[in-house]
PDB file of N, CA and C in Angstrom:
ATOM      1  N   UNK A   1       8.099   5.261 -19.310  1.00  0.00           N
ATOM      2  CA  UNK A   1       8.243   4.361 -20.745  1.00  0.00           C
ATOM      3  C   UNK A   1       6.749   5.438 -21.487  1.00  0.00           C
ATOM      4  N   UNK A   2       5.420   5.480 -20.551  1.00  0.00           N
ATOM      5  CA  UNK A   2       4.858   6.035 -21.862  1.00  0.00           C
ATOM      6  C   UNK A   2       4.304   5.047 -22.407  1.00  0.00           C
ATOM      7  N   UNK A   3       2.980   5.273 -23.527  1.00  0.00           N
ATOM      8  CA  UNK A   3       2.125   5.109 -24.678  1.00  0.00           C
ATOM      9  C   UNK A   3       2.415   5.342 -26.192  1.00  0.00           C
ATOM     10  N   UNK A   4       1.830   4.258 -26.643  1.00  0.00           N
ATOM     11  CA  UNK A   4       1.800   4.043 -28.265  1.00  0.00           C
ATOM     12  C   UNK A   4       0.536   3.772 -28.871  1.00  0.00           C
ATOM     13  N   UNK A   5       0.320   4.932 -29.694  1.00  0.00           N
ATOM     14  CA  UNK A   5      -0.424   4.966 -30.526  1.00  0.00           C
ATOM     15  C   UNK A   5      -0.744   4.157 -31.505  1.00  0.00           C
ATOM     16  N   UNK A   6      -1.380   3.046 -32.131  1.00  0.00           N
ATOM     17  CA  UNK A   6      -1.264   2.088 -33.655  1.00  0.00           C
ATOM     18  C   UNK A   6      -2.253   3.397 -33.794  1.00  0.00           C
ATOM     19  N   UNK A   7      -1.947   4.592 -35.219  1.00  0.00           N
ATOM     20  CA  UNK A   7      -2.656   5.383 -36.055  1.00  0.00           C
ATOM     21  C   UNK A   7      -3.932   4.496 -36.655  1.00  0.00           C
ATOM     22  N   UNK A   8      -3.314   2.889 -37.071  1.00  0.00           N
ATOM     23  CA  UNK A   8      -4.087   2.813 -38.116  1.00  0.00           C
ATOM     24  C   UNK A   8      -5.376   2.611 -37.456  1.00  0.00           C
ATOM     25  N   UNK A   9      -5.188   1.705 -35.761  1.00  0.00           N
ATOM     26  CA  UNK A   9      -6.433   1.623 -35.671  1.00  0.00           C
ATOM     27  C   UNK A   9      -7.527   2.477 -35.047  1.00  0.00           C
ATOM     28  N   UNK A  10      -6.653   4.006 -35.156  1.00  0.00           N
ATOM     29  CA  UNK A  10      -7.527   4.817 -34.258  1.00  0.00           C
ATOM     30  C   UNK A  10      -8.800   5.310 -34.988  1.00  0.00           C
ATOM     31  N   UNK A  11      -9.862   4.815 -33.883  1.00  0.00           N
ATOM     32  CA  UNK A  11     -11.097   5.945 -34.457  1.00  0.00           C
ATOM     33  C   UNK A  11     -11.741   7.136 -34.554  1.00  0.00           C
ATOM     34  N   UNK A  12     -11.013   8.191 -33.929  1.00  0.00           N
ATOM     35  CA  UNK A  12     -10.763   9.577 -34.247  1.00  0.00           C
ATOM     36  C   UNK A  12     -11.956  10.045 -33.083  1.00  0.00           C
ATOM     37  N   UNK A  13     -12.085   9.560 -32.344  1.00  0.00           N
ATOM     38  CA  UNK A  13     -13.071   9.429 -31.616  1.00  0.00           C
ATOM     39  C   UNK A  13     -12.851  10.815 -30.503  1.00  0.00           C
ATOM     40  N   UNK A  14     -11.397  10.978 -30.493  1.00  0.00           N
ATOM     41  CA  UNK A  14     -11.241  11.835 -29.223  1.00  0.00           C
ATOM     42  C   UNK A  14     -11.027  11.692 -27.756  1.00  0.00           C
ATOM     43  N   UNK A  15     -11.843  10.398 -27.144  1.00  0.00           N
ATOM     44  CA  UNK A  15     -12.154   9.806 -25.854  1.00  0.00           C
ATOM     45  C   UNK A  15     -10.280   9.558 -25.330  1.00  0.00           C
ATOM     46  N   UNK A  16      -9.517   9.569 -26.070  1.00  0.00           N
ATOM     47  CA  UNK A  16      -8.137   9.458 -25.120  1.00  0.00           C
ATOM     48  C   UNK A  16      -7.338  10.444 -24.941  1.00  0.00           C
ATOM     49  N   UNK A  17      -7.300  12.134 -25.726  1.00  0.00           N
ATOM     50  CA  UNK A  17      -6.942  13.371 -25.274  1.00  0.00           C
ATOM     51  C   UNK A  17      -8.298  13.984 -24.969  1.00  0.00           C
ATOM     52  N   UNK A  18      -9.208  13.590 -24.584  1.00  0.00           N
ATOM     53  CA  UNK A  18     -10.092  14.395 -23.699  1.00  0.00           C
ATOM     54  C   UNK A  18      -9.911  13.922 -22.321  1.00  0.00           C
ATOM     55  N   UNK A  19      -9.442  12.616 -21.600  1.00  0.00           N
ATOM     56  CA  UNK A  19      -8.965  11.826 -20.508  1.00  0.00           C
ATOM     57  C   UNK A  19      -7.804  12.412 -20.261  1.00  0.00           C
ATOM     58  N   UNK A  20      -6.481  12.097 -20.772  1.00  0.00           N
ATOM     59  CA  UNK A  20      -5.157  12.328 -20.889  1.00  0.00           C
ATOM     60  C   UNK A  20      -5.221  14.046 -19.804  1.00  0.00           C
ATOM     61  N   UNK A  21      -4.732  13.579 -18.850  1.00  0.00           N
ATOM     62  CA  UNK A  21      -4.472  14.332 -17.455  1.00  0.00           C
ATOM     63  C   UNK A  21      -3.355  15.350 -17.346  1.00  0.00           C
ATOM     64  N   UNK A  22      -2.453  15.229 -18.693  1.00  0.00           N
ATOM     65  CA  UNK A  22      -1.015  15.396 -19.055  1.00  0.00           C
ATOM     66  C   UNK A  22      -1.546  16.949 -19.669  1.00  0.00           C
ATOM     67  N   UNK A  23      -2.353  16.147 -20.954  1.00  0.00           N
ATOM     68  CA  UNK A  23      -3.039  16.961 -22.099  1.00  0.00           C
ATOM     69  C   UNK A  23      -2.308  16.505 -22.871  1.00  0.00           C
ATOM     70  N   UNK A  24      -1.376  15.174 -22.861  1.00  0.00           N
ATOM     71  CA  UNK A  24      -0.380  15.106 -24.086  1.00  0.00           C
ATOM     72  C   UNK A  24      -0.943  14.539 -25.122  1.00  0.00           C
ATOM     73  N   UNK A  25      -2.162  14.273 -25.331  1.00  0.00           N
ATOM     74  CA  UNK A  25      -2.110  12.808 -26.631  1.00  0.00           C
ATOM     75  C   UNK A  25      -3.364  14.612 -27.001  1.00  0.00           C
ATOM     76  N   UNK A  26      -2.901  14.508 -28.918  1.00  0.00           N
ATOM     77  CA  UNK A  26      -3.250  15.726 -29.492  1.00  0.00           C
ATOM     78  C   UNK A  26      -4.446  14.879 -31.252  1.00  0.00           C
ATOM     79  N   UNK A  27      -4.587  15.271 -31.573  1.00  0.00           N
ATOM     80  CA  UNK A  27      -5.129  14.725 -33.101  1.00  0.00           C
ATOM     81  C   UNK A  27      -4.734  15.763 -34.532  1.00  0.00           C
ATOM     82  N   UNK A  28      -4.033  14.655 -35.184  1.00  0.00           N
ATOM     83  CA  UNK A  28      -3.640  15.126 -36.149  1.00  0.00           C
ATOM     84  C   UNK A  28      -4.526  15.721 -37.544  1.00  0.00           C
ATOM     85  N   UNK A  29      -4.039  16.173 -38.773  1.00  0.00           N
ATOM     86  CA  UNK A  29      -5.077  16.518 -39.261  1.00  0.00           C
ATOM     87  C   UNK A  29      -6.091  15.787 -40.019  1.00  0.00           C
ATOM     88  N   UNK A  30      -5.862  14.322 -39.461  1.00  0.00           N
ATOM     89  CA  UNK A  30      -7.228  13.358 -39.926  1.00  0.00           C
ATOM     90  C   UNK A  30      -7.914  13.290 -38.691  1.00  0.00           C
ATOM     91  N   UNK A  31      -7.569  13.917 -37.767  1.00  0.00           N
ATOM     92  CA  UNK A  31      -8.424  13.636 -36.497  1.00  0.00           C
ATOM     93  C   UNK A  31      -8.190  13.065 -35.892  1.00  0.00           C
ATOM     94  N   UNK A  32      -6.546  12.043 -36.259  1.00  0.00           N
ATOM     95  CA  UNK A  32      -6.175  10.645 -35.346  1.00  0.00           C
ATOM     96  C   UNK A  32      -5.318  10.886 -34.604  1.00  0.00           C
ATOM     97  N   UNK A  33      -5.437  10.391 -33.319  1.00  0.00           N
ATOM     98  CA  UNK A  33      -4.926  10.883 -32.429  1.00  0.00           C
ATOM     99  C   UNK A  33      -2.819  10.447 -32.986  1.00  0.00           C
ATOM    100  N   UNK A  34      -2.279  11.514 -31.177  1.00  0.00           N
ATOM    101  CA  UNK A  34      -0.708  10.751 -31.684  1.00  0.00           C
ATOM    102  C   UNK A  34      -0.162  11.362 -30.270  1.00  0.00           C
ATOM    103  N   UNK A  35       0.798  10.826 -29.761  1.00  0.00           N
ATOM    104  CA  UNK A  35       1.212  11.587 -28.482  1.00  0.00           C
ATOM    105  C   UNK A  35       2.143  12.276 -28.800  1.00  0.00           C
ATOM    106  N   UNK A  36       1.782  14.207 -27.927  1.00  0.00           N
ATOM    107  CA  UNK A  36       2.661  14.984 -28.279  1.00  0.00           C
ATOM    108  C   UNK A  36       4.793  14.557 -27.670  1.00  0.00           C
ATOM    109  N   UNK A  37       4.306  14.224 -26.680  1.00  0.00           N
ATOM    110  CA  UNK A  37       5.976  14.049 -26.560  1.00  0.00           C
ATOM    111  C   UNK A  37       6.299  12.730 -25.641  1.00  0.00           C
ATOM    112  N   UNK A  38       6.260  12.018 -25.984  1.00  0.00           N
ATOM    113  CA  UNK A  38       6.576  10.588 -25.726  1.00  0.00           C
ATOM    114  C   UNK A  38       6.854  10.527 -23.642  1.00  0.00           C
ATOM    115  N   UNK A  39       8.010  11.098 -23.912  1.00  0.00           N
ATOM    116  CA  UNK A  39       9.022  11.595 -22.497  1.00  0.00           C
ATOM    117  C   UNK A  39       8.134  12.170 -21.347  1.00  0.00           C
ATOM    118  N   UNK A  40       6.802  13.187 -21.948  1.00  0.00           N
ATOM    119  CA  UNK A  40       6.307  13.389 -21.263  1.00  0.00           C
ATOM    120  C   UNK A  40       5.073  12.343 -20.313  1.00  0.00           C
ATOM    121  N   UNK A  41       5.075  10.946 -21.273  1.00  0.00           N
ATOM    122  CA  UNK A  41       3.703  10.567 -20.636  1.00  0.00           C
ATOM    123  C   UNK A  41       3.920  10.129 -18.884  1.00  0.00           C
ATOM    124  N   UNK A  42       2.677  10.192 -18.456  1.00  0.00           N
ATOM    125  CA  UNK A  42       3.149   9.318 -16.853  1.00  0.00           C
ATOM    126  C   UNK A  42       2.396   8.178 -16.762  1.00  0.00           C
ATOM    127  N   UNK A  43       2.343   7.166 -17.370  1.00  0.00           N
ATOM    128  CA  UNK A  43       1.984   6.189 -17.918  1.00  0.00           C
ATOM    129  C   UNK A  43       0.731   5.602 -17.006  1.00  0.00           C
ATOM    130  N   UNK A  44      -0.065   6.826 -16.958  1.00  0.00           N
ATOM    131  CA  UNK A  44      -1.417   6.894 -16.218  1.00  0.00           C
ATOM    132  C   UNK A  44      -2.253   5.759 -16.409  1.00  0.00           C
ATOM    133  N   UNK A  45      -2.125   4.989 -17.132  1.00  0.00           N
ATOM    134  CA  UNK A  45      -3.268   4.333 -18.479  1.00  0.00           C
ATOM    135  C   UNK A  45      -4.522   4.557 -18.630  1.00  0.00           C
ATOM    136  N   UNK A  46      -4.583   5.844 -18.021  1.00  0.00           N
ATOM    137  CA  UNK A  46      -6.288   6.330 -18.348  1.00  0.00           C
ATOM    138  C   UNK A  46      -6.825   6.327 -20.144  1.00  0.00           C
ATOM    139  N   UNK A  47      -5.559   6.611 -21.086  1.00  0.00           N
ATOM    140  CA  UNK A  47      -5.593   6.654 -22.210  1.00  0.00           C
ATOM    141  C   UNK A  47      -6.164   5.337 -22.836  1.00  0.00           C
ATOM    142  N   UNK A  48      -5.155   3.917 -22.140  1.00  0.00           N
ATOM    143  CA  UNK A  48      -5.284   2.621 -22.725  1.00  0.00           C
ATOM    144  C   UNK A  48      -6.535   2.724 -22.405  1.00  0.00           C
ATOM    145  N   UNK A  49      -7.243   2.622 -21.467  1.00  0.00           N
ATOM    146  CA  UNK A  49      -8.449   2.028 -20.485  1.00  0.00           C
ATOM    147  C   UNK A  49      -9.762   2.618 -21.345  1.00  0.00           C
ATOM    148  N   UNK A  50      -9.761   4.314 -21.861  1.00  0.00           N
ATOM    149  CA  UNK A  50     -10.437   4.915 -22.535  1.00  0.00           C
ATOM    150  C   UNK A  50     -10.717   4.233 -23.973  1.00  0.00           C
ATOM    151  N   UNK A  51      -9.777   4.366 -24.572  1.00  0.00           N
ATOM    152  CA  UNK A  51      -9.856   4.038 -25.906  1.00  0.00           C
ATOM    153  C   UNK A  51     -10.680   2.737 -26.416  1.00  0.00           C
ATOM    154  N   UNK A  52     -11.927   2.629 -27.485  1.00  0.00           N
ATOM    155  CA  UNK A  52     -12.653   1.454 -27.170  1.00  0.00           C
ATOM    156  C   UNK A  52     -12.435   0.497 -28.718  1.00  0.00           C
ATOM    157  N   UNK A  53     -11.055   0.994 -29.075  1.00  0.00           N
ATOM    158  CA  UNK A  53     -10.844  -0.373 -30.006  1.00  0.00           C
ATOM    159  C   UNK A  53      -9.447  -0.522 -29.891  1.00  0.00           C
ATOM    160  N   UNK A  54      -8.681  -0.349 -28.588  1.00  0.00           N
ATOM    161  CA  UNK A  54      -7.732  -0.959 -29.069  1.00  0.00           C
ATOM    162  C   UNK A  54      -6.539  -0.369 -29.252  1.00  0.00           C
ATOM    163  N   UNK A  55      -6.217   0.802 -29.953  1.00  0.00           N
ATOM    164  CA  UNK A  55      -5.185   1.017 -30.466  1.00  0.00           C
ATOM    165  C   UNK A  55      -4.356   1.846 -29.779  1.00  0.00           C
ATOM    166  N   UNK A  56      -4.288   2.101 -28.615  1.00  0.00           N
ATOM    167  CA  UNK A  56      -3.374   2.646 -26.915  1.00  0.00           C
ATOM    168  C   UNK A  56      -2.872   1.241 -26.856  1.00  0.00           C
ATOM    169  N   UNK A  57      -1.180   1.527 -26.844  1.00  0.00           N
ATOM    170  CA  UNK A  57      -0.615   0.548 -25.416  1.00  0.00           C
ATOM    171  C   UNK A  57       0.292   1.252 -24.399  1.00  0.00           C
ATOM    172  N   UNK A  58       0.210   0.722 -23.305  1.00  0.00           N
ATOM    173  CA  UNK A  58       1.075   1.088 -22.468  1.00  0.00           C
ATOM    174  C   UNK A  58       2.637   0.185 -22.517  1.00  0.00           C
ATOM    175  N   UNK A  59       3.848   0.849 -22.976  1.00  0.00           N
ATOM    176  CA  UNK A  59       5.093   0.423 -23.197  1.00  0.00           C
ATOM    177  C   UNK A  59       5.072  -0.195 -21.871  1.00  0.00           C
ATOM    178  N   UNK A  60       5.581  -1.667 -21.957  1.00  0.00           N
ATOM    179  CA  UNK A  60       6.418  -2.193 -20.610  1.00  0.00           C
ATOM    180  C   UNK A  60       7.530  -2.174 -19.916  1.00  0.00           C
ATOM    181  N   UNK A  61       7.680  -1.565 -18.694  1.00  0.00           N
ATOM    182  CA  UNK A  61       9.518  -2.053 -17.948  1.00  0.00           C
ATOM    183  C   UNK A  61      10.379  -3.211 -19.159  1.00  0.00           C
ATOM    184  N   UNK A  62      11.453  -3.007 -18.665  1.00  0.00           N
ATOM    185  CA  UNK A  62      12.367  -4.381 -19.314  1.00  0.00           C
ATOM    186  C   UNK A  62      11.967  -4.887 -18.098  1.00  0.00           C
ATOM    187  N   UNK A  63      11.596  -4.987 -17.166  1.00  0.00           N
ATOM    188  CA  UNK A  63      11.076  -6.097 -16.273  1.00  0.00           C
ATOM    189  C   UNK A  63      10.059  -6.735 -16.022  1.00  0.00           C
ATOM    190  N   UNK A  64       9.336  -6.165 -16.420  1.00  0.00           N
ATOM    191  CA  UNK A  64       7.671  -6.667 -16.873  1.00  0.00           C
ATOM    192  C   UNK A  64       7.900  -7.184 -17.959  1.00  0.00           C
ATOM    193  N   UNK A  65       8.098  -6.560 -19.362  1.00  0.00           N
ATOM    194  CA  UNK A  65       7.878  -7.680 -20.746  1.00  0.00           C
ATOM    195  C   UNK A  65       9.230  -7.660 -21.447  1.00  0.00           C
ATOM    196  N   UNK A  66      10.436  -7.080 -21.203  1.00  0.00           N
ATOM    197  CA  UNK A  66      11.032  -7.436 -21.854  1.00  0.00           C
ATOM    198  C   UNK A  66      11.340  -6.051 -22.770  1.00  0.00           C
ATOM    199  N   UNK A  67      12.293  -6.227 -23.634  1.00  0.00           N
ATOM    200  CA  UNK A  67      12.804  -4.187 -24.474  1.00  0.00           C
ATOM    201  C   UNK A  67      11.512  -4.654 -25.371  1.00  0.00           C
ATOM    202  N   UNK A  68      10.445  -3.622 -25.344  1.00  0.00           N
ATOM    203  CA  UNK A  68       9.579  -4.097 -26.744  1.00  0.00           C
ATOM    204  C   UNK A  68       8.141  -4.687 -25.856  1.00  0.00           C
ATOM    205  N   UNK A  69       7.879  -4.720 -24.729  1.00  0.00           N
ATOM    206  CA  UNK A  69       6.554  -5.169 -24.247  1.00  0.00           C
ATOM    207  C   UNK A  69       5.615  -4.444 -24.126  1.00  0.00           C
ATOM    208  N   UNK A  70       4.776  -4.686 -24.427  1.00  0.00           N
ATOM    209  CA  UNK A  70       3.406  -3.658 -24.292  1.00  0.00           C
ATOM    210  C   UNK A  70       2.287  -4.684 -23.504  1.00  0.00           C
ATOM    211  N   UNK A  71       1.095  -3.592 -23.030  1.00  0.00           N
ATOM    212  CA  UNK A  71       0.229  -4.380 -22.318  1.00  0.00           C
ATOM    213  C   UNK A  71      -1.332  -3.453 -23.177  1.00  0.00           C
ATOM    214  N   UNK A  72      -2.145  -4.436 -23.273  1.00  0.00           N
ATOM    215  CA  UNK A  72      -3.304  -3.429 -24.195  1.00  0.00           C
ATOM    216  C   UNK A  72      -3.937  -3.768 -23.676  1.00  0.00           C
ATOM    217  N   UNK A  73      -5.589  -3.547 -23.486  1.00  0.00           N
ATOM    218  CA  UNK A  73      -7.076  -4.009 -23.169  1.00  0.00           C
ATOM    219  C   UNK A  73      -7.852  -3.410 -23.942  1.00  0.00           C
ATOM    220  N   UNK A  74      -9.349  -4.417 -23.942  1.00  0.00           N
ATOM    221  CA  UNK A  74     -10.619  -4.713 -24.404  1.00  0.00           C
ATOM    222  C   UNK A  74     -11.621  -4.751 -23.321  1.00  0.00           C
ATOM    223  N   UNK A  75     -12.781  -3.946 -24.067  1.00  0.00           N
ATOM    224  CA  UNK A  75     -13.642  -3.994 -22.825  1.00  0.00           C
ATOM    225  C   UNK A  75     -14.878  -4.617 -23.871  1.00  0.00           C
ATOM    226  N   UNK A  76     -15.715  -5.373 -22.875  1.00  0.00           N
ATOM    227  CA  UNK A  76     -17.508  -5.560 -23.810  1.00  0.00           C
ATOM    228  C   UNK A  76     -17.988  -5.339 -22.186  1.00  0.00           C
ATOM    229  N   UNK A  77     -18.960  -4.686 -22.296  1.00  0.00           N
ATOM    230  CA  UNK A  77     -19.418  -4.792 -20.707  1.00  0.00           C
ATOM    231  C   UNK A  77     -18.231  -4.290 -19.962  1.00  0.00           C
ATOM    232  N   UNK A  78     -19.218  -5.413 -18.573  1.00  0.00           N
ATOM    233  CA  UNK A  78     -18.406  -5.230 -17.243  1.00  0.00           C
ATOM    234  C   UNK A  78     -16.610  -5.862 -17.005  1.00  0.00           C
ATOM    235  N   UNK A  79     -16.512  -6.631 -18.247  1.00  0.00           N
ATOM    236  CA  UNK A  79     -15.740  -7.875 -18.674  1.00  0.00           C
ATOM    237  C   UNK A  79     -14.233  -6.620 -19.121  1.00  0.00           C
ATOM    238  N   UNK A  80     -13.281  -6.752 -18.715  1.00  0.00           N
ATOM    239  CA  UNK A  80     -12.190  -5.956 -19.041  1.00  0.00           C
ATOM    240  C   UNK A  80     -10.923  -7.247 -19.261  1.00  0.00           C
ATOM    241  N   UNK A  81     -10.366  -7.012 -20.561  1.00  0.00           N
ATOM    242  CA  UNK A  81      -9.511  -8.124 -20.944  1.00  0.00           C
ATOM    243  C   UNK A  81      -8.011  -7.346 -20.726  1.00  0.00           C
ATOM    244  N   UNK A  82      -7.466  -7.779 -19.933  1.00  0.00           N
ATOM    245  CA  UNK A  82      -5.681  -6.928 -20.113  1.00  0.00           C
ATOM    246  C   UNK A  82      -4.690  -7.912 -20.783  1.00  0.00           C
ATOM    247  N   UNK A  83      -3.776  -7.569 -21.516  1.00  0.00           N
ATOM    248  CA  UNK A  83      -2.815  -8.255 -22.366  1.00  0.00           C
ATOM    249  C   UNK A  83      -1.503  -8.312 -21.870  1.00  0.00           C
ATOM    250  N   UNK A  84      -0.931  -8.539 -21.459  1.00  0.00           N
ATOM    251  CA  UNK A  84       0.506  -7.849 -21.495  1.00  0.00           C
ATOM    252  C   UNK A  84       1.077  -8.905 -22.505  1.00  0.00           C
ATOM    253  N   UNK A  85       2.352  -8.373 -23.364  1.00  0.00           N
ATOM    254  CA  UNK A  85       2.791  -9.175 -24.669  1.00  0.00           C
ATOM    255  C   UNK A  85       4.104  -8.539 -24.541  1.00  0.00           C
ATOM    256  N   UNK A  86       4.719  -9.564 -24.490  1.00  0.00           N
ATOM    257  CA  UNK A  86       6.280  -9.384 -24.467  1.00  0.00           C
ATOM    258  C   UNK A  86       6.852  -9.601 -25.981  1.00  0.00           C
ATOM    259  N   UNK A  87       8.370  -8.775 -26.179  1.00  0.00           N
ATOM    260  CA  UNK A  87       8.544  -7.992 -27.302  1.00  0.00           C
ATOM    261  C   UNK A  87       9.219  -9.801 -28.661  1.00  0.00           C
ATOM    262  N   UNK A  88       8.889 -10.997 -27.274  1.00  0.00           N
ATOM    263  CA  UNK A  88       8.899 -12.550 -28.380  1.00  0.00           C
ATOM    264  C   UNK A  88       7.687 -12.555 -28.595  1.00  0.00           C
ATOM    265  N   UNK A  89       6.296 -12.579 -28.353  1.00  0.00           N
ATOM    266  CA  UNK A  89       4.661 -12.482 -29.081  1.00  0.00           C
ATOM    267  C   UNK A  89       4.349 -13.417 -27.179  1.00  0.00           C
ATOM    268  N   UNK A  90       5.293 -13.185 -26.291  1.00  0.00           N
ATOM    269  CA  UNK A  90       4.621 -14.567 -24.937  1.00  0.00           C
ATOM    270  C   UNK A  90       3.371 -12.989 -24.851  1.00  0.00           C
ATOM    271  N   UNK A  91       1.811 -13.869 -24.300  1.00  0.00           N
ATOM    272  CA  UNK A  91       0.948 -13.216 -23.685  1.00  0.00           C
ATOM    273  C   UNK A  91       1.200 -13.637 -22.050  1.00  0.00           C
ATOM    274  N   UNK A  92      -0.058 -12.680 -21.511  1.00  0.00           N
ATOM    275  CA  UNK A  92      -0.026 -13.496 -20.775  1.00  0.00           C
ATOM    276  C   UNK A  92      -1.525 -12.098 -19.929  1.00  0.00           C
ATOM    277  N   UNK A  93      -2.583 -13.305 -19.896  1.00  0.00           N
ATOM    278  CA  UNK A  93      -4.064 -12.308 -20.901  1.00  0.00           C
ATOM    279  C   UNK A  93      -4.772 -12.507 -18.976  1.00  0.00           C
ATOM    280  N   UNK A  94      -5.566 -11.460 -17.925  1.00  0.00           N
ATOM    281  CA  UNK A  94      -5.764 -11.132 -17.037  1.00  0.00           C
ATOM    282  C   UNK A  94      -7.612 -10.505 -17.106  1.00  0.00           C
ATOM    283  N   UNK A  95      -8.216 -11.375 -16.646  1.00  0.00           N
ATOM    284  CA  UNK A  95     -10.297 -10.932 -17.276  1.00  0.00           C
ATOM    285  C   UNK A  95     -10.616 -11.019 -15.966  1.00  0.00           C
ATOM    286  N   UNK A  96     -10.893  -9.228 -15.881  1.00  0.00           N
ATOM    287  CA  UNK A  96     -11.677  -8.621 -15.018  1.00  0.00           C
ATOM    288  C   UNK A  96     -13.214  -8.245 -15.299  1.00  0.00           C
ATOM    289  N   UNK A  97     -14.034  -8.894 -14.242  1.00  0.00           N
ATOM    290  CA  UNK A  97     -15.186  -8.274 -14.442  1.00  0.00           C
ATOM    291  C   UNK A  97     -15.520  -7.444 -13.295  1.00  0.00           C
ATOM    292  N   UNK A  98     -16.238  -6.306 -13.204  1.00  0.00           N
ATOM    293  CA  UNK A  98     -16.518  -5.058 -12.467  1.00  0.00           C
ATOM    294  C   UNK A  98     -17.692  -5.888 -11.443  1.00  0.00           C
ATOM    295  N   UNK A  99     -18.754  -6.824 -12.173  1.00  0.00           N
ATOM    296  CA  UNK A  99     -19.974  -7.400 -11.664  1.00  0.00           C
ATOM    297  C   UNK A  99     -19.268  -7.948 -10.404  1.00  0.00           C
ATOM    298  N   UNK A 100     -17.454  -8.332 -10.363  1.00  0.00           N
ATOM    299  CA  UNK A 100     -17.155  -9.808  -9.835  1.00  0.00           C
ATOM    300  C   UNK A 100     -16.931  -8.737  -8.864  1.00  0.00           C
ATOM    301  N   UNK A 101     -16.145  -7.864  -8.932  1.00  0.00           N
ATOM    302  CA  UNK A 101     -15.285  -6.950  -7.830  1.00  0.00           C
ATOM    303  C   UNK A 101     -15.197  -6.873  -6.200  1.00  0.00           C
ATOM    304  N   UNK A 102     -16.442  -6.328  -5.795  1.00  0.00           N
ATOM    305  CA  UNK A 102     -16.684  -6.858  -4.653  1.00  0.00           C
ATOM    306  C   UNK A 102     -17.226  -8.323  -4.063  1.00  0.00           C
ATOM    307  N   UNK A 103     -17.266  -9.469  -4.280  1.00  0.00           N
ATOM    308  CA  UNK A 103     -17.031 -10.813  -4.606  1.00  0.00           C
ATOM    309  C   UNK A 103     -16.006 -11.167  -3.035  1.00  0.00           C
ATOM    310  N   UNK A 104     -14.620 -10.570  -3.091  1.00  0.00           N
ATOM    311  CA  UNK A 104     -13.968 -10.841  -2.768  1.00  0.00           C
ATOM    312  C   UNK A 104     -13.576 -10.352  -1.139  1.00  0.00           C
TER     313      UNK A 104
END
């Protein structure tokens, strides 16, 4: 599957390219991130979690999001908001708080 990078949202911080274990995320002439080879992406979501502006999404397999489904996230302190969106626009949201993780 892999990830997709929305260059219009890219903050040019380089955090995604620094964290990518496959060294697949590069910067273009404007210092915006792009994926070197989509097919080589491991779908590890490291870059998705590292991006501070939500410019990177994981492309979901058809059985999870239909063709074109995506998984994005936003973080606010210890709270992470995961959003899985199907190609039809149906969203499933999961909110986690690292401060609450050990209470279960």
